[in-house]
């Protein structure tokens, strides 16, 4: 790994699940960043997932900076440094695998069992580090917003891109894993019925994004970029230029044209128009506006 590549990162992409993080990591990949070799179809970095997305473990250690740093050092070595693991890093990895085996990676126990963590470790051994054909490195894992401050403290070259999509769109999304997995971290109760999901989903969306933005304000504009997914889809040139400026890049014209084609307006735009917004708390609707999302005229579903 060339030292310049190691310094140029990590660039981490996160947000509430379903916010559009996939298109941003594909932009980074097209620009020449190494984003991992063990990814799912949404381009989530499974190594970060196994090490940090552990709902029974993370709430207990979220304020234990020493433990979190061991995990970040482990991830850095696996992705770019090509160095032998320390004893503490090896123990961290084995405990992470054991935790996933017993409890899975979300509230519902996804990936529970020995097969998933064993595959991750196998991939770590077979794909140990990036090559030299990259301009930088990073990863996308929506849950990364939980550890923004830790990432900034550990990595000198860290930059974070946080994606925010209209909270009303998110409230009616099928992707509610973060709500169920991390609700308690943000003072939100888990839904007891499907009817409660939209209202509580919006509450989670507001509190999780506000927390990420507070962290971003502490980091400053050189380290933190807030992207509006709606604007990325409707005005890709403007938002992609912001990404390029944030990363201090000057891509070739062919690459630039290619990344301009990546954002696509989803068919679910304005799906909330078909629902009754009276189910949401007025305070939460006000917070929606303060986060930059207006409520377009809608029709209540009959």
Protein backbone atom coordinates (compact mmCIF):
# COMPACT_ATOMS: atom_id res chain seq x y z
CA UNK A 1 0.00 0.00 0.00
CA UNK A 2 1.45 3.32 -1.05
CA UNK A 3 1.74 5.71 1.86
CA UNK A 4 -0.20 8.40 -0.05
CA UNK A 5 -3.17 6.06 -0.45
CA UNK A 6 -3.10 5.19 3.22
CA UNK A 7 -3.15 8.87 4.15
CA UNK A 8 -6.06 9.64 1.80
CA UNK A 9 -8.72 8.16 4.01
CA UNK A 10 -10.67 6.67 5.30
CA UNK A 11 -13.61 8.38 3.64
CA UNK A 12 -16.63 6.89 5.40
CA UNK A 13 -20.23 7.01 4.21
CA UNK A 14 -23.10 6.64 6.66
CA UNK A 15 -26.69 7.57 7.41
CA UNK A 16 -29.99 6.14 8.57
CA UNK A 17 -30.61 2.90 6.66
CA UNK A 18 -32.20 3.48 3.26
CA UNK A 19 -30.93 7.05 2.93
CA UNK A 20 -29.13 6.50 -0.37
CA UNK A 21 -25.64 5.72 0.90
CA UNK A 22 -25.15 3.16 -1.87
CA UNK A 23 -24.96 5.73 -4.65
CA UNK A 24 -22.38 7.77 -2.74
CA UNK A 25 -20.02 4.84 -2.16
CA UNK A 26 -20.30 3.97 -5.84
CA UNK A 27 -19.29 7.51 -6.65
CA UNK A 28 -16.23 7.08 -4.42
CA UNK A 29 -15.40 3.74 -5.99
CA UNK A 30 -15.65 5.20 -9.49
CA UNK A 31 -13.38 8.05 -8.42
CA UNK A 32 -10.74 5.47 -7.50
CA UNK A 33 -11.23 4.70 -3.80
CA UNK A 34 -10.81 1.21 -2.39
CA UNK A 35 -14.04 0.55 -0.50
CA UNK A 36 -13.48 -3.02 0.62
CA UNK A 37 -13.47 -6.51 -0.81
CA UNK A 38 -16.22 -8.10 1.30
CA UNK A 39 -19.42 -6.24 0.44
CA UNK A 40 -23.10 -7.05 0.19
CA UNK A 41 -25.30 -6.07 -2.75
CA UNK A 42 -25.82 -2.64 -1.19
CA UNK A 43 -22.00 -2.22 -0.95
CA UNK A 44 -21.99 -2.28 2.86
CA UNK A 45 -18.56 -3.19 4.16
CA UNK A 46 -19.12 -6.47 6.02
CA UNK A 47 -15.90 -6.13 8.00
CA UNK A 48 -17.14 -2.95 9.65
CA UNK A 49 -20.52 -4.63 10.13
CA UNK A 50 -19.08 -7.60 12.02
CA UNK A 51 -16.73 -5.51 14.14
CA UNK A 52 -19.13 -2.74 15.18
CA UNK A 53 -22.76 -3.55 14.33
CA UNK A 54 -23.39 -5.70 17.38
CA UNK A 55 -26.50 -4.54 19.25
CA UNK A 56 -25.72 -6.34 22.52
CA UNK A 57 -22.11 -5.17 22.53
CA UNK A 58 -22.01 -1.62 21.21
CA UNK A 59 -24.28 0.06 23.82
CA UNK A 60 -21.99 -1.30 26.54
CA UNK A 61 -18.75 -0.01 25.00
CA UNK A 62 -19.87 3.12 23.14
CA UNK A 63 -18.03 5.32 25.67
CA UNK A 64 -15.02 2.98 25.96
CA UNK A 65 -12.65 4.74 23.58
CA UNK A 66 -9.84 2.25 24.17
CA UNK A 67 -11.96 -0.70 23.05
CA UNK A 68 -13.34 1.14 20.02
CA UNK A 69 -9.81 2.12 19.01
CA UNK A 70 -8.71 -1.51 19.01
CA UNK A 71 -11.52 -2.32 16.60
CA UNK A 72 -10.63 0.62 14.34
CA UNK A 73 -6.97 -0.35 14.34
CA UNK A 74 -8.00 -3.89 13.37
CA UNK A 75 -10.17 -2.64 10.52
CA UNK A 76 -7.41 -0.34 9.29
CA UNK A 77 -4.89 -3.18 9.22
CA UNK A 78 -7.27 -5.47 7.38
CA UNK A 79 -8.13 -2.90 4.73
CA UNK A 80 -4.90 -1.03 4.02
CA UNK A 81 -1.93 -1.62 6.28
CA UNK A 82 -1.09 -5.29 5.61
CA UNK A 83 0.35 -5.69 9.09
CA UNK A 84 0.11 -8.58 11.53
CA UNK A 85 -2.63 -8.25 14.09
CA UNK A 86 -1.74 -7.52 17.69
CA UNK A 87 -2.95 -9.81 20.44
CA UNK A 88 -5.68 -7.33 21.47
CA UNK A 89 -6.83 -7.00 17.86
CA UNK A 90 -7.00 -10.76 17.43
CA UNK A 91 -9.04 -11.08 20.63
CA UNK A 92 -11.34 -8.29 19.40
CA UNK A 93 -11.89 -10.15 16.14
CA UNK A 94 -12.59 -13.49 17.82
CA UNK A 95 -15.01 -11.88 20.28
CA UNK A 96 -16.79 -10.11 17.45
CA UNK A 97 -17.18 -13.40 15.59
CA UNK A 98 -18.47 -15.10 18.73
CA UNK A 99 -20.92 -12.27 19.40
CA UNK A 100 -22.34 -12.43 15.88
CA UNK A 101 -22.54 -16.21 16.10
CA UNK A 102 -24.69 -15.97 19.22
CA UNK A 103 -26.73 -12.82 18.62
CA UNK A 104 -26.41 -11.67 15.00
CA UNK A 105 -25.92 -8.16 13.66
CA UNK A 106 -29.28 -6.53 14.34
CA UNK A 107 -32.28 -6.62 16.65
CA UNK A 108 -33.79 -9.54 14.73
CA UNK A 109 -30.62 -11.66 14.85
CA UNK A 110 -29.64 -11.49 11.17
CA UNK A 111 -26.43 -13.42 10.36
CA UNK A 112 -26.67 -15.39 13.62
CA UNK A 113 -24.79 -18.67 13.51
CA UNK A 114 -21.23 -19.69 12.69
CA UNK A 115 -21.39 -19.54 8.88
CA UNK A 116 -21.55 -15.75 8.42
CA UNK A 117 -18.66 -14.74 10.73
CA UNK A 118 -16.51 -17.61 9.44
CA UNK A 119 -17.01 -16.35 5.89
CA UNK A 120 -15.95 -12.87 7.01
CA UNK A 121 -12.76 -14.20 8.59
CA UNK A 122 -12.05 -16.33 5.52
CA UNK A 123 -12.41 -13.26 3.32
CA UNK A 124 -10.11 -11.32 5.62
CA UNK A 125 -7.41 -13.94 5.20
CA UNK A 126 -7.82 -14.14 1.42
CA UNK A 127 -8.20 -10.39 0.77
CA UNK A 128 -5.79 -8.88 3.23
CA UNK A 129 -5.50 -5.23 2.27
CA UNK A 130 -5.91 -3.14 -0.85
CA UNK A 131 -3.54 -3.00 -3.78
CA UNK A 132 -1.78 0.12 -5.01
CA UNK A 133 -4.17 0.99 -7.84
CA UNK A 134 -6.30 3.33 -5.73
CA UNK A 135 -6.19 7.02 -4.87
CA UNK A 136 -7.56 6.45 -1.36
CA UNK A 137 -9.69 4.18 0.76
CA UNK A 138 -12.81 4.06 2.86
CA UNK A 139 -16.06 2.24 3.31
CA UNK A 140 -19.80 2.51 3.43
CA UNK A 141 -21.77 1.14 6.36
CA UNK A 142 -24.87 3.16 7.29
CA UNK A 143 -24.35 2.49 11.00
CA UNK A 144 -20.99 4.28 10.86
CA UNK A 145 -22.75 7.43 12.03
CA UNK A 146 -22.63 5.93 15.53
CA UNK A 147 -18.83 6.13 15.70
CA UNK A 148 -18.08 9.38 13.85
CA UNK A 149 -16.21 10.97 16.76
CA UNK A 150 -14.17 7.79 17.34
CA UNK A 151 -13.26 7.64 13.66
CA UNK A 152 -12.13 11.24 13.72
CA UNK A 153 -10.03 10.72 16.85
CA UNK A 154 -8.30 7.63 15.43
CA UNK A 155 -7.70 8.40 11.75
CA UNK A 156 -5.67 11.45 10.78
CA UNK A 157 -7.04 11.50 7.22
CA UNK A 158 -10.66 10.74 8.14
CA UNK A 159 -13.55 12.33 6.25
CA UNK A 160 -17.21 11.52 6.72
CA UNK A 161 -20.10 11.88 4.27
CA UNK A 162 -23.51 11.72 5.92
CA UNK A 163 -26.56 11.17 3.72
CA UNK A 164 -29.99 12.43 4.75
CA UNK A 165 -33.16 11.47 2.92
CA UNK A 166 -36.60 12.95 3.58
CA UNK A 167 -37.72 11.59 6.95
CA UNK A 168 -41.29 11.08 5.75
CA UNK A 169 -40.05 8.91 2.91
CA UNK A 170 -37.98 6.98 5.45
CA UNK A 171 -40.94 6.58 7.80
CA UNK A 172 -42.78 4.51 5.20
CA UNK A 173 -39.73 2.54 4.08
CA UNK A 174 -39.44 -1.21 4.59
CA UNK A 175 -35.91 -0.65 5.91
CA UNK A 176 -36.43 -0.06 9.63
CA UNK A 177 -33.52 -2.10 10.99
CA UNK A 178 -31.79 0.87 12.61
CA UNK A 179 -35.01 1.87 14.36
CA UNK A 180 -35.37 -1.55 15.98
CA UNK A 181 -31.65 -2.04 16.61
CA UNK A 182 -30.61 1.37 17.98
CA UNK A 183 -33.86 3.03 19.11
CA UNK A 184 -32.84 2.95 22.78
CA UNK A 185 -29.60 4.80 22.05
CA UNK A 186 -31.63 7.81 20.93
CA UNK A 187 -34.41 7.69 23.50
CA UNK A 188 -36.95 6.18 21.10
CA UNK A 189 -39.09 3.17 22.00
CA UNK A 190 -39.27 0.21 19.67
CA UNK A 191 -42.54 -0.26 17.81
CA UNK A 192 -44.89 -2.83 19.30
CA UNK A 193 -47.01 -2.98 16.16
CA UNK A 194 -46.62 -2.10 12.50
CA UNK A 195 -49.01 0.84 12.97
CA UNK A 196 -46.45 2.50 15.26
CA UNK A 197 -43.55 2.18 12.83
CA UNK A 198 -43.97 5.39 10.77
CA UNK A 199 -44.33 7.68 13.79
CA UNK A 200 -41.42 6.13 15.69
CA UNK A 201 -39.32 5.86 12.54
CA UNK A 202 -39.56 9.62 12.05
CA UNK A 203 -38.55 10.19 15.68
CA UNK A 204 -35.51 7.94 15.22
CA UNK A 205 -34.63 9.63 11.94
CA UNK A 206 -34.71 13.06 13.56
CA UNK A 207 -32.64 12.15 16.61
CA UNK A 208 -30.06 10.04 14.76
CA UNK A 209 -29.49 12.70 12.12
CA UNK A 210 -29.39 15.53 14.63
CA UNK A 211 -26.73 13.62 16.59
CA UNK A 212 -24.67 13.06 13.44
CA UNK A 213 -24.95 16.73 12.49
CA UNK A 214 -23.85 17.80 15.97
CA UNK A 215 -20.78 15.61 15.57
CA UNK A 216 -20.23 17.11 12.13
CA UNK A 217 -20.36 20.63 13.50
CA UNK A 218 -17.59 19.66 15.91
CA UNK A 219 -15.50 18.15 13.10
CA UNK A 220 -15.90 21.09 10.74
CA UNK A 221 -16.37 21.30 6.96
CA UNK A 222 -13.00 19.76 6.12
CA UNK A 223 -14.01 16.52 7.83
CA UNK A 224 -17.81 16.37 7.53
CA UNK A 225 -20.05 16.67 4.47
CA UNK A 226 -23.83 16.59 4.78
CA UNK A 227 -25.62 15.48 1.63
CA UNK A 228 -29.33 15.73 0.90
CA UNK A 229 -30.26 12.60 -1.06
CA UNK A 230 -33.23 14.28 -2.73
CA UNK A 231 -30.98 17.03 -4.06
CA UNK A 232 -28.36 14.50 -5.16
CA UNK A 233 -31.00 12.79 -7.32
CA UNK A 234 -32.60 15.94 -8.70
CA UNK A 235 -29.44 18.08 -9.09
CA UNK A 236 -26.60 15.54 -9.35
CA UNK A 237 -24.09 17.92 -10.88
CA UNK A 238 -24.23 20.38 -7.98
CA UNK A 239 -24.04 17.73 -5.26
CA UNK A 240 -21.32 15.70 -6.99
CA UNK A 241 -19.27 18.87 -7.34
CA UNK A 242 -19.60 19.29 -3.57
CA UNK A 243 -18.31 15.75 -3.05
CA UNK A 244 -15.36 16.32 -5.38
CA UNK A 245 -14.48 19.60 -3.68
CA UNK A 246 -14.76 17.96 -0.25
CA UNK A 247 -12.29 15.29 -1.33
CA UNK A 248 -9.95 17.78 -3.06
CA UNK A 249 -10.09 15.85 -6.32
CA UNK A 250 -9.95 16.79 -9.98
CA UNK A 251 -11.31 13.76 -11.85
CA UNK A 252 -10.87 13.24 -15.56
CA UNK A 253 -13.81 14.27 -17.72
CA UNK A 254 -14.71 10.67 -18.57
CA UNK A 255 -14.84 9.72 -14.89
CA UNK A 256 -16.87 12.82 -14.09
CA UNK A 257 -19.44 11.96 -16.76
CA UNK A 258 -19.66 8.43 -15.41
CA UNK A 259 -20.41 9.49 -11.84
CA UNK A 260 -23.00 12.00 -13.05
CA UNK A 261 -25.01 9.03 -14.30
CA UNK A 262 -25.02 7.22 -10.96
CA UNK A 263 -27.73 9.10 -9.01
CA UNK A 264 -31.22 8.01 -10.08
CA UNK A 265 -34.49 9.34 -8.74
CA UNK A 266 -36.19 6.35 -7.03
CA UNK A 267 -39.77 5.39 -7.83
CA UNK A 268 -40.56 5.89 -4.13
CA UNK A 269 -40.11 9.67 -4.28
CA UNK A 270 -43.03 11.31 -2.44
CA UNK A 271 -44.55 8.00 -1.34
CA UNK A 272 -45.63 9.74 1.85
CA UNK A 273 -48.19 11.65 -0.21
CA UNK A 274 -50.36 8.54 -0.07
CA UNK A 275 -50.46 8.48 3.72
CA UNK A 276 -52.14 10.51 6.42
CA UNK A 277 -49.56 12.74 8.09
CA UNK A 278 -51.84 13.36 11.07
CA UNK A 279 -50.26 10.28 12.69
CA UNK A 280 -47.02 12.21 13.23
CA UNK A 281 -46.34 14.48 16.19
CA UNK A 282 -46.41 18.17 15.28
CA UNK A 283 -43.02 18.69 16.93
CA UNK A 284 -41.48 16.03 14.72
CA UNK A 285 -42.93 17.58 11.57
CA UNK A 286 -41.37 20.88 12.63
CA UNK A 287 -38.03 19.15 13.11
CA UNK A 288 -38.38 17.71 9.62
CA UNK A 289 -38.55 21.25 8.27
CA UNK A 290 -35.56 22.37 10.33
CA UNK A 291 -33.52 19.56 8.78
CA UNK A 292 -34.20 20.92 5.32
CA UNK A 293 -37.19 18.94 4.09
CA UNK A 294 -40.48 20.60 3.23
CA UNK A 295 -43.78 18.79 3.04
CA UNK A 296 -45.03 18.74 -0.53
CA UNK A 297 -48.79 18.91 -1.02
CA UNK A 298 -50.12 15.44 -0.44
CA UNK A 299 -53.28 13.46 -0.81
CA UNK A 300 -54.60 11.49 2.16
CA UNK A 301 -55.17 7.88 1.18
CA UNK A 302 -58.90 7.12 1.18
